[in-house]
Every structure is written in C-alpha cells, then in structure tokens.
Amino acid sequence: MSHTLTIRLDRTLADWLEREAARTGVPQGRIIRNELERARKARGARPFMRLAGTVDRAKDLSARKGFSRG
C-alpha cells in the first residue's frame, strides 16, 4: 500500500507547507496526500473543462436565421 515519493519544492512552497503543518497540526505528508486526492477527485468531476478555450469562433455561434445578434 505504501509508496514513497521524493519531491523537490521551491522555498516558497516549502515555507507554506511548514506553516500549514504547524498551523493545523497535520503532518506535511498528510497535507500533500490530501491535496493530491483533492486534485484527483476534481479532475474527474469536470472532464469537459479540458475543452475550455479551444473554440475559436465568433461569440454568437448560432447559424439559424433570426437567432443571430448581428
């Protein structure tokens, strides 16, 4: 069940993690696991967001007459 992972953090992120662990009393490893789990769940919750920003057309996409704002 256990898998060890070694990561390098920049000073800003390492400082935040230290402060967060001290503030909450939660070990740094648990904070990281919780955040990874939250990111994993969030990704599956909105799969359509992978398409965000890919449409490159006019804002009014309607091709039917009478529905355009032009």
PDB file of N, CA and C in Angstrom:
ATOM      1  N   MET A   1       0.820  -1.194   0.000  1.00  0.00           N
ATOM      2  CA  MET A   1       0.000   0.000   0.000  1.00  0.00           C
ATOM      3  C   MET A   1       0.862   1.255   0.000  1.00  0.00           C
ATOM      4  N   SER A   2       1.979   1.218   0.679  1.00  0.00           N
ATOM      5  CA  SER A   2       2.808   2.404   0.811  1.00  0.00           C
ATOM      6  C   SER A   2       3.719   2.573  -0.396  1.00  0.00           C
ATOM      7  N   HIS A   3       3.845   3.791  -0.859  1.00  0.00           N
ATOM      8  CA  HIS A   3       4.742   4.123  -1.958  1.00  0.00           C
ATOM      9  C   HIS A   3       5.430   5.428  -1.587  1.00  0.00           C
ATOM     10  N   THR A   4       6.736   5.417  -1.545  1.00  0.00           N
ATOM     11  CA  THR A   4       7.493   6.611  -1.182  1.00  0.00           C
ATOM     12  C   THR A   4       7.809   7.417  -2.426  1.00  0.00           C
ATOM     13  N   LEU A   5       7.625   8.717  -2.311  1.00  0.00           N
ATOM     14  CA  LEU A   5       7.880   9.637  -3.408  1.00  0.00           C
ATOM     15  C   LEU A   5       8.719  10.787  -2.866  1.00  0.00           C
ATOM     16  N   THR A   6       9.802  11.098  -3.542  1.00  0.00           N
ATOM     17  CA  THR A   6      10.646  12.217  -3.139  1.00  0.00           C
ATOM     18  C   THR A   6      10.440  13.349  -4.133  1.00  0.00           C
ATOM     19  N   ILE A   7      10.167  14.544  -3.617  1.00  0.00           N
ATOM     20  CA  ILE A   7       9.956  15.708  -4.481  1.00  0.00           C
ATOM     21  C   ILE A   7      10.820  16.861  -3.988  1.00  0.00           C
ATOM     22  N   ARG A   8      11.115  17.778  -4.888  1.00  0.00           N
ATOM     23  CA  ARG A   8      11.833  18.996  -4.518  1.00  0.00           C
ATOM     24  C   ARG A   8      10.847  20.162  -4.609  1.00  0.00           C
ATOM     25  N   LEU A   9      10.819  20.955  -3.556  1.00  0.00           N
ATOM     26  CA  LEU A   9       9.940  22.114  -3.514  1.00  0.00           C
ATOM     27  C   LEU A   9      10.773  23.381  -3.524  1.00  0.00           C
ATOM     28  N   ASP A  10      10.255  24.413  -4.179  1.00  0.00           N
ATOM     29  CA  ASP A  10      10.957  25.688  -4.071  1.00  0.00           C
ATOM     30  C   ASP A  10      10.731  26.247  -2.666  1.00  0.00           C
ATOM     31  N   ARG A  11      11.497  27.226  -2.284  1.00  0.00           N
ATOM     32  CA  ARG A  11      11.474  27.747  -0.922  1.00  0.00           C
ATOM     33  C   ARG A  11      10.091  28.259  -0.540  1.00  0.00           C
ATOM     34  N   THR A  12       9.409  28.925  -1.452  1.00  0.00           N
ATOM     35  CA  THR A  12       8.081  29.477  -1.166  1.00  0.00           C
ATOM     36  C   THR A  12       7.096  28.376  -0.805  1.00  0.00           C
ATOM     37  N   LEU A  13       7.066  27.329  -1.601  1.00  0.00           N
ATOM     38  CA  LEU A  13       6.143  26.228  -1.353  1.00  0.00           C
ATOM     39  C   LEU A  13       6.519  25.455  -0.084  1.00  0.00           C
ATOM     40  N   ALA A  14       7.812  25.260   0.124  1.00  0.00           N
ATOM     41  CA  ALA A  14       8.265  24.564   1.332  1.00  0.00           C
ATOM     42  C   ALA A  14       7.903  25.358   2.587  1.00  0.00           C
ATOM     43  N   ASP A  15       8.056  26.678   2.529  1.00  0.00           N
ATOM     44  CA  ASP A  15       7.682  27.531   3.671  1.00  0.00           C
ATOM     45  C   ASP A  15       6.190  27.447   3.944  1.00  0.00           C
ATOM     46  N   TRP A  16       5.389  27.485   2.869  1.00  0.00           N
ATOM     47  CA  TRP A  16       3.938  27.378   3.043  1.00  0.00           C
ATOM     48  C   TRP A  16       3.581  26.048   3.691  1.00  0.00           C
ATOM     49  N   LEU A  17       4.173  24.973   3.218  1.00  0.00           N
ATOM     50  CA  LEU A  17       3.870  23.648   3.745  1.00  0.00           C
ATOM     51  C   LEU A  17       4.242  23.555   5.221  1.00  0.00           C
ATOM     52  N   GLU A  18       5.383  24.104   5.584  1.00  0.00           N
ATOM     53  CA  GLU A  18       5.789  24.116   7.000  1.00  0.00           C
ATOM     54  C   GLU A  18       4.805  24.891   7.858  1.00  0.00           C
ATOM     55  N   ARG A  19       4.436  26.078   7.406  1.00  0.00           N
ATOM     56  CA  ARG A  19       3.489  26.913   8.168  1.00  0.00           C
ATOM     57  C   ARG A  19       2.125  26.234   8.288  1.00  0.00           C
ATOM     58  N   GLU A  20       1.667  25.644   7.199  1.00  0.00           N
ATOM     59  CA  GLU A  20       0.358  24.975   7.201  1.00  0.00           C
ATOM     60  C   GLU A  20       0.355  23.791   8.158  1.00  0.00           C
ATOM     61  N   ALA A  21       1.431  23.026   8.164  1.00  0.00           N
ATOM     62  CA  ALA A  21       1.533  21.882   9.077  1.00  0.00           C
ATOM     63  C   ALA A  21       1.562  22.354  10.527  1.00  0.00           C
ATOM     64  N   ALA A  22       2.289  23.415  10.804  1.00  0.00           N
ATOM     65  CA  ALA A  22       2.354  23.943  12.169  1.00  0.00           C
ATOM     66  C   ALA A  22       1.008  24.520  12.595  1.00  0.00           C
ATOM     67  N   ARG A  23       0.341  25.218  11.680  1.00  0.00           N
ATOM     68  CA  ARG A  23      -0.941  25.850  11.995  1.00  0.00           C
ATOM     69  C   ARG A  23      -2.030  24.822  12.280  1.00  0.00           C
ATOM     70  N   THR A  24      -2.067  23.771  11.478  1.00  0.00           N
ATOM     71  CA  THR A  24      -3.144  22.790  11.590  1.00  0.00           C
ATOM     72  C   THR A  24      -2.798  21.604  12.479  1.00  0.00           C
ATOM     73  N   GLY A  25      -1.510  21.384  12.717  1.00  0.00           N
ATOM     74  CA  GLY A  25      -1.098  20.212  13.483  1.00  0.00           C
ATOM     75  C   GLY A  25      -1.146  18.927  12.671  1.00  0.00           C
ATOM     76  N   VAL A  26      -1.280  19.059  11.365  1.00  0.00           N
ATOM     77  CA  VAL A  26      -1.340  17.909  10.457  1.00  0.00           C
ATOM     78  C   VAL A  26       0.050  17.723   9.850  1.00  0.00           C
ATOM     79  N   PRO A  27       0.563  16.498   9.811  1.00  0.00           N
ATOM     80  CA  PRO A  27       1.888  16.269   9.226  1.00  0.00           C
ATOM     81  C   PRO A  27       1.938  16.699   7.755  1.00  0.00           C
ATOM     82  N   GLN A  28       3.116  17.136   7.336  1.00  0.00           N
ATOM     83  CA  GLN A  28       3.287  17.605   5.961  1.00  0.00           C
ATOM     84  C   GLN A  28       2.898  16.548   4.943  1.00  0.00           C
ATOM     85  N   GLY A  29       3.267  15.298   5.187  1.00  0.00           N
ATOM     86  CA  GLY A  29       2.924  14.224   4.260  1.00  0.00           C
ATOM     87  C   GLY A  29       1.426  14.062   4.085  1.00  0.00           C
ATOM     88  N   ARG A  30       0.684  14.203   5.182  1.00  0.00           N
ATOM     89  CA  ARG A  30      -0.779  14.075   5.089  1.00  0.00           C
ATOM     90  C   ARG A  30      -1.379  15.243   4.316  1.00  0.00           C
ATOM     91  N   ILE A  31      -0.825  16.440   4.506  1.00  0.00           N
ATOM     92  CA  ILE A  31      -1.310  17.603   3.749  1.00  0.00           C
ATOM     93  C   ILE A  31      -1.123  17.349   2.260  1.00  0.00           C
ATOM     94  N   ILE A  32       0.043  16.856   1.883  1.00  0.00           N
ATOM     95  CA  ILE A  32       0.320  16.585   0.470  1.00  0.00           C
ATOM     96  C   ILE A  32      -0.606  15.496  -0.064  1.00  0.00           C
ATOM     97  N   ARG A  33      -0.792  14.419   0.697  1.00  0.00           N
ATOM     98  CA  ARG A  33      -1.701  13.352   0.249  1.00  0.00           C
ATOM     99  C   ARG A  33      -3.120  13.879   0.087  1.00  0.00           C
ATOM    100  N   ASN A  34      -3.580  14.697   1.034  1.00  0.00           N
ATOM    101  CA  ASN A  34      -4.930  15.264   0.941  1.00  0.00           C
ATOM    102  C   ASN A  34      -5.082  16.136  -0.297  1.00  0.00           C
ATOM    103  N   GLU A  35      -4.066  16.952  -0.580  1.00  0.00           N
ATOM    104  CA  GLU A  35      -4.134  17.820  -1.757  1.00  0.00           C
ATOM    105  C   GLU A  35      -4.096  17.019  -3.054  1.00  0.00           C
ATOM    106  N   LEU A  36      -3.295  15.963  -3.092  1.00  0.00           N
ATOM    107  CA  LEU A  36      -3.267  15.106  -4.278  1.00  0.00           C
ATOM    108  C   LEU A  36      -4.606  14.408  -4.483  1.00  0.00           C
ATOM    109  N   GLU A  37      -5.199  13.937  -3.412  1.00  0.00           N
ATOM    110  CA  GLU A  37      -6.502  13.281  -3.506  1.00  0.00           C
ATOM    111  C   GLU A  37      -7.572  14.263  -3.979  1.00  0.00           C
ATOM    112  N   ARG A  38      -7.513  15.482  -3.471  1.00  0.00           N
ATOM    113  CA  ARG A  38      -8.482  16.513  -3.868  1.00  0.00           C
ATOM    114  C   ARG A  38      -8.320  16.839  -5.356  1.00  0.00           C
ATOM    115  N   ALA A  39      -7.077  16.936  -5.827  1.00  0.00           N
ATOM    116  CA  ALA A  39      -6.830  17.216  -7.245  1.00  0.00           C
ATOM    117  C   ALA A  39      -7.326  16.071  -8.120  1.00  0.00           C
ATOM    118  N   ARG A  40      -7.127  14.842  -7.663  1.00  0.00           N
ATOM    119  CA  ARG A  40      -7.588  13.678  -8.427  1.00  0.00           C
ATOM    120  C   ARG A  40      -9.101  13.670  -8.550  1.00  0.00           C
ATOM    121  N   LYS A  41      -9.797  13.963  -7.465  1.00  0.00           N
ATOM    122  CA  LYS A  41     -11.266  13.992  -7.496  1.00  0.00           C
ATOM    123  C   LYS A  41     -11.780  15.141  -8.340  1.00  0.00           C
ATOM    124  N   ALA A  42     -11.138  16.283  -8.244  1.00  0.00           N
ATOM    125  CA  ALA A  42     -11.580  17.459  -9.005  1.00  0.00           C
ATOM    126  C   ALA A  42     -11.426  17.239 -10.499  1.00  0.00           C
ATOM    127  N   ARG A  43     -10.401  16.537 -10.900  1.00  0.00           N
ATOM    128  CA  ARG A  43     -10.188  16.296 -12.333  1.00  0.00           C
ATOM    129  C   ARG A  43     -11.314  15.457 -12.916  1.00  0.00           C
ATOM    130  N   GLY A  44     -11.773  14.471 -12.197  1.00  0.00           N
ATOM    131  CA  GLY A  44     -12.841  13.622 -12.690  1.00  0.00           C
ATOM    132  C   GLY A  44     -14.206  14.281 -12.635  1.00  0.00           C
ATOM    133  N   ALA A  45     -14.325  15.328 -11.846  1.00  0.00           N
ATOM    134  CA  ALA A  45     -15.625  15.970 -11.655  1.00  0.00           C
ATOM    135  C   ALA A  45     -16.047  16.809 -12.859  1.00  0.00           C
ATOM    136  N   ARG A  46     -15.079  17.357 -13.600  1.00  0.00           N
ATOM    137  CA  ARG A  46     -15.420  18.236 -14.712  1.00  0.00           C
ATOM    138  C   ARG A  46     -14.573  17.911 -15.946  1.00  0.00           C
ATOM    139  N   PRO A  47     -14.771  16.748 -16.548  1.00  0.00           N
ATOM    140  CA  PRO A  47     -13.929  16.381 -17.691  1.00  0.00           C
ATOM    141  C   PRO A  47     -14.099  17.308 -18.899  1.00  0.00           C
ATOM    142  N   PHE A  48     -15.230  17.991 -18.984  1.00  0.00           N
ATOM    143  CA  PHE A  48     -15.469  18.884 -20.114  1.00  0.00           C
ATOM    144  C   PHE A  48     -14.541  20.096 -20.084  1.00  0.00           C
ATOM    145  N   MET A  49     -13.940  20.406 -18.938  1.00  0.00           N
ATOM    146  CA  MET A  49     -13.078  21.574 -18.831  1.00  0.00           C
ATOM    147  C   MET A  49     -11.802  21.428 -19.661  1.00  0.00           C
ATOM    148  N   ARG A  50     -11.471  20.204 -20.087  1.00  0.00           N
ATOM    149  CA  ARG A  50     -10.291  20.047 -20.933  1.00  0.00           C
ATOM    150  C   ARG A  50     -10.488  20.753 -22.276  1.00  0.00           C
ATOM    151  N   LEU A  51     -11.739  21.061 -22.619  1.00  0.00           N
ATOM    152  CA  LEU A  51     -12.044  21.743 -23.874  1.00  0.00           C
ATOM    153  C   LEU A  51     -12.095  23.259 -23.719  1.00  0.00           C
ATOM    154  N   ALA A  52     -11.991  23.769 -22.515  1.00  0.00           N
ATOM    155  CA  ALA A  52     -12.107  25.210 -22.272  1.00  0.00           C
ATOM    156  C   ALA A  52     -11.067  25.970 -23.088  1.00  0.00           C
ATOM    157  N   GLY A  53     -11.520  26.981 -23.773  1.00  0.00           N
ATOM    158  CA  GLY A  53     -10.618  27.818 -24.548  1.00  0.00           C
ATOM    159  C   GLY A  53     -10.255  27.274 -25.913  1.00  0.00           C
ATOM    160  N   THR A  54     -10.849  26.170 -26.330  1.00  0.00           N
ATOM    161  CA  THR A  54     -10.470  25.594 -27.621  1.00  0.00           C
ATOM    162  C   THR A  54     -11.325  26.105 -28.773  1.00  0.00           C
ATOM    163  N   VAL A  55     -12.449  26.741 -28.494  1.00  0.00           N
ATOM    164  CA  VAL A  55     -13.315  27.250 -29.554  1.00  0.00           C
ATOM    165  C   VAL A  55     -12.805  28.608 -29.998  1.00  0.00           C
ATOM    166  N   ASP A  56     -12.525  28.740 -31.274  1.00  0.00           N
ATOM    167  CA  ASP A  56     -12.008  29.991 -31.824  1.00  0.00           C
ATOM    168  C   ASP A  56     -12.955  30.459 -32.914  1.00  0.00           C
ATOM    169  N   ARG A  57     -14.097  30.992 -32.493  1.00  0.00           N
ATOM    170  CA  ARG A  57     -15.121  31.474 -33.421  1.00  0.00           C
ATOM    171  C   ARG A  57     -15.773  32.706 -32.833  1.00  0.00           C
ATOM    172  N   ALA A  58     -16.744  33.207 -33.556  1.00  0.00           N
ATOM    173  CA  ALA A  58     -17.497  34.348 -33.059  1.00  0.00           C
ATOM    174  C   ALA A  58     -18.242  33.956 -31.782  1.00  0.00           C
ATOM    175  N   LYS A  59     -18.512  34.924 -30.930  1.00  0.00           N
ATOM    176  CA  LYS A  59     -19.210  34.630 -29.676  1.00  0.00           C
ATOM    177  C   LYS A  59     -20.618  34.112 -29.923  1.00  0.00           C
ATOM    178  N   ASP A  60     -21.250  34.599 -30.983  1.00  0.00           N
ATOM    179  CA  ASP A  60     -22.581  34.137 -31.339  1.00  0.00           C
ATOM    180  C   ASP A  60     -22.418  33.001 -32.344  1.00  0.00           C
ATOM    181  N   LEU A  61     -22.534  31.755 -31.908  1.00  0.00           N
ATOM    182  CA  LEU A  61     -22.302  30.596 -32.771  1.00  0.00           C
ATOM    183  C   LEU A  61     -23.544  30.150 -33.532  1.00  0.00           C
ATOM    184  N   SER A  62     -24.665  30.797 -33.306  1.00  0.00           N
ATOM    185  CA  SER A  62     -25.889  30.365 -33.947  1.00  0.00           C
ATOM    186  C   SER A  62     -25.841  30.619 -35.456  1.00  0.00           C
ATOM    187  N   ALA A  63     -26.181  29.598 -36.226  1.00  0.00           N
ATOM    188  CA  ALA A  63     -26.215  29.719 -37.682  1.00  0.00           C
ATOM    189  C   ALA A  63     -27.664  29.874 -38.168  1.00  0.00           C
ATOM    190  N   ARG A  64     -28.634  29.738 -37.243  1.00  0.00           N
ATOM    191  CA  ARG A  64     -30.035  29.833 -37.642  1.00  0.00           C
ATOM    192  C   ARG A  64     -30.456  31.291 -37.776  1.00  0.00           C
ATOM    193  N   LYS A  65     -31.153  31.585 -38.851  1.00  0.00           N
ATOM    194  CA  LYS A  65     -31.619  32.943 -39.077  1.00  0.00           C
ATOM    195  C   LYS A  65     -32.604  33.347 -37.980  1.00  0.00           C
ATOM    196  N   GLY A  66     -32.518  34.587 -37.585  1.00  0.00           N
ATOM    197  CA  GLY A  66     -33.408  35.089 -36.553  1.00  0.00           C
ATOM    198  C   GLY A  66     -32.832  34.929 -35.141  1.00  0.00           C
ATOM    199  N   PHE A  67     -31.758  34.182 -35.007  1.00  0.00           N
ATOM    200  CA  PHE A  67     -31.167  33.988 -33.697  1.00  0.00           C
ATOM    201  C   PHE A  67     -29.829  34.704 -33.545  1.00  0.00           C
ATOM    202  N   SER A  68     -29.320  35.261 -34.617  1.00  0.00           N
ATOM    203  CA  SER A  68     -28.052  35.970 -34.523  1.00  0.00           C
ATOM    204  C   SER A  68     -28.281  37.381 -34.020  1.00  0.00           C
ATOM    205  N   ARG A  69     -27.253  37.958 -33.444  1.00  0.00           N
ATOM    206  CA  ARG A  69     -27.376  39.313 -32.890  1.00  0.00           C
ATOM    207  C   ARG A  69     -26.670  40.327 -33.778  1.00  0.00           C
ATOM    208  N   GLY A  70     -26.484  40.023 -35.013  1.00  0.00           N
ATOM    209  CA  GLY A  70     -25.709  40.883 -35.877  1.00  0.00           C
ATOM    210  C   GLY A  70     -26.447  41.841 -36.670  1.00  0.00           C
TER     211      GLY A  70
END
